[in-house]
Amino acid sequence: MESVRQEKVNALLMKDLGEILRMKASEILPGMMISVTEVRVSPDLGYAKVFVSFFPSKEKQAELERLRSRVSEVRYELGKKIGKQVRVVPEINFILDDSIDRANRIDELLKS
């Protein structure tokens, strides 16, 4: 179970990372929209799993690797935004959120 502080930091990171990725999407993945679907921060607030989805996307794993290659740049921008609100800017690990794909697959199976 997450603490209240973790939940607040999760919400803060989700909002600010969403803004950063929206601004940087044209540089990182031209012609794509990157959405932050969920953030889970560790109890010590030093590590964050950031679940992302891409639209439109054909090669999601390759796009995820391109985003991961720019993680230091994203973390730097995050530090400028939240540096006064947290003691440590967490290490970021981007993880592909495939829940939309699974939902679409289930929907197609139900229709047939």
N, C-alpha and C. Protein backbone atom coordinates (compact mmCIF):
# COMPACT_ATOMS: atom_id res chain seq x y z
N MET A 1 0.84 -1.18 0.00
CA MET A 1 0.00 0.00 0.00
C MET A 1 0.88 1.24 0.00
N GLU A 2 0.53 2.19 -0.84
CA GLU A 2 1.33 3.40 -0.97
C GLU A 2 0.95 4.42 0.09
N SER A 3 1.95 5.19 0.50
CA SER A 3 1.71 6.25 1.47
C SER A 3 1.07 7.45 0.77
N VAL A 4 0.57 8.36 1.55
CA VAL A 4 -0.04 9.58 1.00
C VAL A 4 1.01 10.37 0.23
N ARG A 5 2.23 10.41 0.77
CA ARG A 5 3.32 11.14 0.11
C ARG A 5 3.63 10.52 -1.25
N GLN A 6 3.67 9.20 -1.33
CA GLN A 6 3.92 8.54 -2.61
C GLN A 6 2.82 8.86 -3.61
N GLU A 7 1.58 8.86 -3.17
CA GLU A 7 0.46 9.17 -4.07
C GLU A 7 0.56 10.60 -4.59
N LYS A 8 0.96 11.53 -3.72
CA LYS A 8 1.10 12.92 -4.16
C LYS A 8 2.24 13.08 -5.15
N VAL A 9 3.36 12.40 -4.89
CA VAL A 9 4.50 12.47 -5.82
C VAL A 9 4.14 11.79 -7.13
N ASN A 10 3.41 10.68 -7.09
CA ASN A 10 2.95 10.02 -8.32
C ASN A 10 2.14 10.98 -9.17
N ALA A 11 1.21 11.68 -8.55
CA ALA A 11 0.36 12.63 -9.30
C ALA A 11 1.19 13.78 -9.85
N LEU A 12 2.13 14.29 -9.06
CA LEU A 12 2.99 15.39 -9.51
C LEU A 12 3.83 14.96 -10.71
N LEU A 13 4.45 13.78 -10.61
CA LEU A 13 5.28 13.28 -11.70
C LEU A 13 4.46 13.01 -12.95
N MET A 14 3.28 12.46 -12.78
CA MET A 14 2.43 12.16 -13.93
C MET A 14 2.08 13.43 -14.69
N LYS A 15 1.73 14.47 -13.96
CA LYS A 15 1.36 15.75 -14.58
C LYS A 15 2.56 16.38 -15.28
N ASP A 16 3.67 16.50 -14.56
CA ASP A 16 4.83 17.19 -15.11
C ASP A 16 5.52 16.39 -16.22
N LEU A 17 5.63 15.08 -16.07
CA LEU A 17 6.21 14.27 -17.15
C LEU A 17 5.33 14.30 -18.39
N GLY A 18 4.02 14.34 -18.19
CA GLY A 18 3.11 14.45 -19.34
C GLY A 18 3.36 15.72 -20.12
N GLU A 19 3.55 16.83 -19.40
CA GLU A 19 3.84 18.10 -20.07
C GLU A 19 5.18 18.07 -20.78
N ILE A 20 6.19 17.53 -20.10
CA ILE A 20 7.53 17.47 -20.71
C ILE A 20 7.51 16.62 -21.97
N LEU A 21 6.89 15.44 -21.90
CA LEU A 21 6.85 14.56 -23.07
C LEU A 21 6.00 15.14 -24.18
N ARG A 22 4.98 15.90 -23.84
CA ARG A 22 4.18 16.55 -24.87
C ARG A 22 5.02 17.59 -25.62
N MET A 23 5.87 18.33 -24.88
CA MET A 23 6.73 19.33 -25.52
C MET A 23 7.86 18.68 -26.32
N LYS A 24 8.41 17.59 -25.80
CA LYS A 24 9.57 16.96 -26.42
C LYS A 24 9.22 15.89 -27.44
N ALA A 25 7.96 15.55 -27.59
CA ALA A 25 7.55 14.46 -28.48
C ALA A 25 8.03 14.69 -29.91
N SER A 26 7.98 15.92 -30.38
CA SER A 26 8.40 16.19 -31.76
C SER A 26 9.89 15.96 -31.95
N GLU A 27 10.69 16.12 -30.89
CA GLU A 27 12.13 15.86 -30.98
C GLU A 27 12.44 14.37 -30.83
N ILE A 28 11.80 13.73 -29.86
CA ILE A 28 12.11 12.34 -29.53
C ILE A 28 11.50 11.39 -30.56
N LEU A 29 10.20 11.52 -30.78
CA LEU A 29 9.48 10.65 -31.72
C LEU A 29 8.60 11.53 -32.61
N PRO A 30 9.12 12.04 -33.70
CA PRO A 30 8.34 12.93 -34.56
C PRO A 30 7.06 12.27 -35.07
N GLY A 31 5.98 13.01 -35.05
CA GLY A 31 4.70 12.53 -35.56
C GLY A 31 3.96 11.62 -34.61
N MET A 32 4.40 11.54 -33.36
CA MET A 32 3.76 10.65 -32.39
C MET A 32 3.32 11.41 -31.17
N MET A 33 2.33 10.84 -30.52
CA MET A 33 1.87 11.37 -29.25
C MET A 33 2.31 10.38 -28.17
N ILE A 34 2.94 10.90 -27.12
CA ILE A 34 3.39 10.08 -26.00
C ILE A 34 2.50 10.43 -24.81
N SER A 35 1.88 9.41 -24.22
CA SER A 35 1.01 9.63 -23.06
C SER A 35 1.59 8.91 -21.85
N VAL A 36 1.58 9.59 -20.71
CA VAL A 36 1.95 8.97 -19.45
C VAL A 36 0.66 8.42 -18.85
N THR A 37 0.58 7.11 -18.71
CA THR A 37 -0.65 6.49 -18.23
C THR A 37 -0.63 6.23 -16.73
N GLU A 38 0.55 6.02 -16.17
CA GLU A 38 0.64 5.74 -14.74
C GLU A 38 2.07 5.98 -14.28
N VAL A 39 2.22 6.38 -13.02
CA VAL A 39 3.53 6.54 -12.40
C VAL A 39 3.49 5.84 -11.05
N ARG A 40 4.51 5.05 -10.77
CA ARG A 40 4.65 4.40 -9.47
C ARG A 40 6.03 4.73 -8.92
N VAL A 41 6.05 5.44 -7.82
CA VAL A 41 7.31 5.84 -7.21
C VAL A 41 7.63 4.90 -6.05
N SER A 42 8.92 4.65 -5.83
CA SER A 42 9.35 3.76 -4.74
C SER A 42 9.12 4.43 -3.39
N PRO A 43 9.10 3.64 -2.31
CA PRO A 43 8.85 4.22 -0.99
C PRO A 43 9.85 5.31 -0.58
N ASP A 44 11.10 5.21 -1.06
CA ASP A 44 12.08 6.25 -0.73
C ASP A 44 12.05 7.42 -1.71
N LEU A 45 11.14 7.39 -2.68
CA LEU A 45 10.92 8.44 -3.68
C LEU A 45 12.12 8.65 -4.60
N GLY A 46 13.01 7.68 -4.67
CA GLY A 46 14.21 7.83 -5.49
C GLY A 46 14.13 7.14 -6.84
N TYR A 47 13.07 6.39 -7.08
CA TYR A 47 12.94 5.63 -8.32
C TYR A 47 11.49 5.67 -8.77
N ALA A 48 11.27 5.91 -10.05
CA ALA A 48 9.90 5.98 -10.57
C ALA A 48 9.76 5.12 -11.81
N LYS A 49 8.73 4.27 -11.80
CA LYS A 49 8.34 3.52 -12.99
C LYS A 49 7.29 4.37 -13.69
N VAL A 50 7.56 4.73 -14.93
CA VAL A 50 6.65 5.58 -15.69
C VAL A 50 6.10 4.76 -16.85
N PHE A 51 4.81 4.51 -16.82
CA PHE A 51 4.16 3.74 -17.86
C PHE A 51 3.71 4.69 -18.96
N VAL A 52 4.13 4.41 -20.20
CA VAL A 52 3.82 5.29 -21.32
C VAL A 52 3.15 4.49 -22.44
N SER A 53 2.38 5.21 -23.24
CA SER A 53 1.80 4.63 -24.45
C SER A 53 2.06 5.58 -25.60
N PHE A 54 2.13 5.02 -26.80
CA PHE A 54 2.42 5.79 -28.01
C PHE A 54 1.25 5.68 -28.98
N PHE A 55 0.99 6.79 -29.69
CA PHE A 55 -0.06 6.77 -30.70
C PHE A 55 0.34 7.68 -31.85
N PRO A 56 0.19 7.34 -33.06
CA PRO A 56 0.03 6.00 -33.63
C PRO A 56 1.36 5.27 -33.56
N SER A 57 1.29 3.98 -33.47
CA SER A 57 2.51 3.22 -33.26
C SER A 57 2.47 1.88 -33.99
N LYS A 58 3.61 1.54 -34.59
CA LYS A 58 3.75 0.24 -35.23
C LYS A 58 4.80 -0.59 -34.50
N GLU A 59 5.93 0.03 -34.19
CA GLU A 59 7.03 -0.66 -33.53
C GLU A 59 7.21 -0.08 -32.13
N LYS A 60 6.36 -0.47 -31.22
CA LYS A 60 6.34 0.12 -29.88
C LYS A 60 7.64 -0.09 -29.12
N GLN A 61 8.24 -1.25 -29.25
CA GLN A 61 9.47 -1.53 -28.51
C GLN A 61 10.62 -0.64 -28.99
N ALA A 62 10.72 -0.42 -30.29
CA ALA A 62 11.77 0.46 -30.82
C ALA A 62 11.55 1.89 -30.37
N GLU A 63 10.30 2.32 -30.34
CA GLU A 63 9.99 3.68 -29.88
C GLU A 63 10.28 3.84 -28.40
N LEU A 64 10.01 2.80 -27.63
CA LEU A 64 10.32 2.83 -26.21
C LEU A 64 11.82 2.96 -25.99
N GLU A 65 12.60 2.26 -26.78
CA GLU A 65 14.07 2.36 -26.66
C GLU A 65 14.56 3.76 -27.03
N ARG A 66 13.96 4.38 -28.03
CA ARG A 66 14.34 5.75 -28.38
C ARG A 66 14.00 6.71 -27.25
N LEU A 67 12.88 6.50 -26.58
CA LEU A 67 12.51 7.33 -25.44
C LEU A 67 13.47 7.08 -24.28
N ARG A 68 13.81 5.82 -24.04
CA ARG A 68 14.74 5.50 -22.95
C ARG A 68 16.12 6.10 -23.19
N SER A 69 16.52 6.23 -24.45
CA SER A 69 17.83 6.82 -24.74
C SER A 69 17.88 8.31 -24.38
N ARG A 70 16.73 8.94 -24.23
CA ARG A 70 16.65 10.36 -23.89
C ARG A 70 16.23 10.59 -22.43
N VAL A 71 16.33 9.55 -21.59
CA VAL A 71 15.84 9.64 -20.22
C VAL A 71 16.59 10.71 -19.40
N SER A 72 17.88 10.88 -19.63
CA SER A 72 18.62 11.89 -18.86
C SER A 72 18.13 13.30 -19.18
N GLU A 73 17.81 13.54 -20.43
CA GLU A 73 17.28 14.85 -20.84
C GLU A 73 15.90 15.10 -20.21
N VAL A 74 15.07 14.07 -20.19
CA VAL A 74 13.73 14.19 -19.59
C VAL A 74 13.86 14.41 -18.09
N ARG A 75 14.77 13.68 -17.45
CA ARG A 75 14.97 13.83 -15.99
C ARG A 75 15.49 15.23 -15.66
N TYR A 76 16.36 15.77 -16.49
CA TYR A 76 16.86 17.13 -16.28
C TYR A 76 15.71 18.14 -16.33
N GLU A 77 14.85 18.02 -17.33
CA GLU A 77 13.70 18.91 -17.45
C GLU A 77 12.76 18.74 -16.25
N LEU A 78 12.60 17.50 -15.80
CA LEU A 78 11.76 17.24 -14.63
C LEU A 78 12.36 17.90 -13.40
N GLY A 79 13.67 17.83 -13.26
CA GLY A 79 14.34 18.47 -12.13
C GLY A 79 14.13 19.97 -12.10
N LYS A 80 14.12 20.61 -13.27
CA LYS A 80 13.86 22.05 -13.32
C LYS A 80 12.44 22.37 -12.87
N LYS A 81 11.49 21.46 -13.15
CA LYS A 81 10.09 21.69 -12.77
C LYS A 81 9.80 21.39 -11.31
N ILE A 82 10.32 20.28 -10.79
CA ILE A 82 9.93 19.85 -9.45
C ILE A 82 11.07 19.94 -8.43
N GLY A 83 12.19 20.51 -8.81
CA GLY A 83 13.36 20.56 -7.95
C GLY A 83 13.11 21.19 -6.59
N LYS A 84 12.21 22.14 -6.51
CA LYS A 84 11.92 22.82 -5.24
C LYS A 84 10.87 22.07 -4.41
N GLN A 85 10.22 21.07 -4.99
CA GLN A 85 9.14 20.37 -4.31
C GLN A 85 9.55 19.03 -3.74
N VAL A 86 10.63 18.45 -4.24
CA VAL A 86 11.11 17.16 -3.75
C VAL A 86 12.60 17.27 -3.45
N ARG A 87 13.07 16.41 -2.56
CA ARG A 87 14.50 16.44 -2.21
C ARG A 87 15.36 15.86 -3.32
N VAL A 88 14.89 14.76 -3.89
CA VAL A 88 15.64 14.05 -4.93
C VAL A 88 14.74 13.87 -6.13
N VAL A 89 15.26 14.20 -7.31
CA VAL A 89 14.52 13.91 -8.54
C VAL A 89 14.71 12.43 -8.82
N PRO A 90 13.62 11.67 -8.88
CA PRO A 90 13.76 10.22 -8.99
C PRO A 90 14.37 9.76 -10.32
N GLU A 91 15.06 8.62 -10.25
CA GLU A 91 15.51 7.94 -11.46
C GLU A 91 14.25 7.47 -12.19
N ILE A 92 14.25 7.58 -13.51
CA ILE A 92 13.07 7.25 -14.29
C ILE A 92 13.32 5.99 -15.11
N ASN A 93 12.35 5.09 -15.06
CA ASN A 93 12.37 3.90 -15.91
C ASN A 93 11.07 3.90 -16.71
N PHE A 94 11.18 4.08 -18.01
CA PHE A 94 10.00 4.06 -18.87
C PHE A 94 9.61 2.62 -19.17
N ILE A 95 8.32 2.33 -19.01
CA ILE A 95 7.78 1.00 -19.26
C ILE A 95 6.60 1.15 -20.21
N LEU A 96 6.53 0.26 -21.18
CA LEU A 96 5.45 0.30 -22.16
C LEU A 96 4.14 -0.16 -21.53
N ASP A 97 3.10 0.65 -21.64
CA ASP A 97 1.78 0.29 -21.14
C ASP A 97 0.98 -0.25 -22.32
N ASP A 98 0.70 -1.53 -22.28
CA ASP A 98 -0.02 -2.15 -23.38
C ASP A 98 -1.48 -2.44 -23.04
N SER A 99 -2.01 -1.79 -22.04
CA SER A 99 -3.39 -2.05 -21.63
C SER A 99 -4.39 -1.64 -22.71
N ILE A 100 -4.09 -0.62 -23.48
CA ILE A 100 -4.99 -0.19 -24.56
C ILE A 100 -5.05 -1.27 -25.64
N ASP A 101 -3.90 -1.84 -25.97
CA ASP A 101 -3.86 -2.92 -26.97
C ASP A 101 -4.64 -4.14 -26.49
N ARG A 102 -4.46 -4.48 -25.21
CA ARG A 102 -5.20 -5.62 -24.66
C ARG A 102 -6.70 -5.37 -24.67
N ALA A 103 -7.10 -4.15 -24.34
CA ALA A 103 -8.53 -3.81 -24.35
C ALA A 103 -9.09 -3.90 -25.76
N ASN A 104 -8.33 -3.42 -26.75
CA ASN A 104 -8.78 -3.51 -28.14
C ASN A 104 -8.90 -4.96 -28.59
N ARG A 105 -7.95 -5.81 -28.18
CA ARG A 105 -8.00 -7.22 -28.54
C ARG A 105 -9.22 -7.90 -27.93
N ILE A 106 -9.50 -7.60 -26.68
CA ILE A 106 -10.66 -8.17 -26.01
C ILE A 106 -11.95 -7.69 -26.69
N ASP A 107 -11.99 -6.41 -27.04
CA ASP A 107 -13.16 -5.86 -27.73
C ASP A 107 -13.39 -6.56 -29.07
N GLU A 108 -12.32 -6.80 -29.83
CA GLU A 108 -12.44 -7.49 -31.10
C GLU A 108 -12.92 -8.93 -30.90
N LEU A 109 -12.43 -9.59 -29.86
CA LEU A 109 -12.85 -10.96 -29.59
C LEU A 109 -14.33 -11.02 -29.21
N LEU A 110 -14.78 -10.02 -28.47
CA LEU A 110 -16.18 -9.99 -28.07
C LEU A 110 -17.11 -9.71 -29.26
N LYS A 111 -16.63 -8.93 -30.21
CA LYS A 111 -17.43 -8.60 -31.39
C LYS A 111 -17.55 -9.80 -32.33
N SER A 112 -16.56 -10.65 -32.35
CA SER A 112 -16.61 -11.78 -33.31
C SER A 112 -17.30 -12.98 -32.75
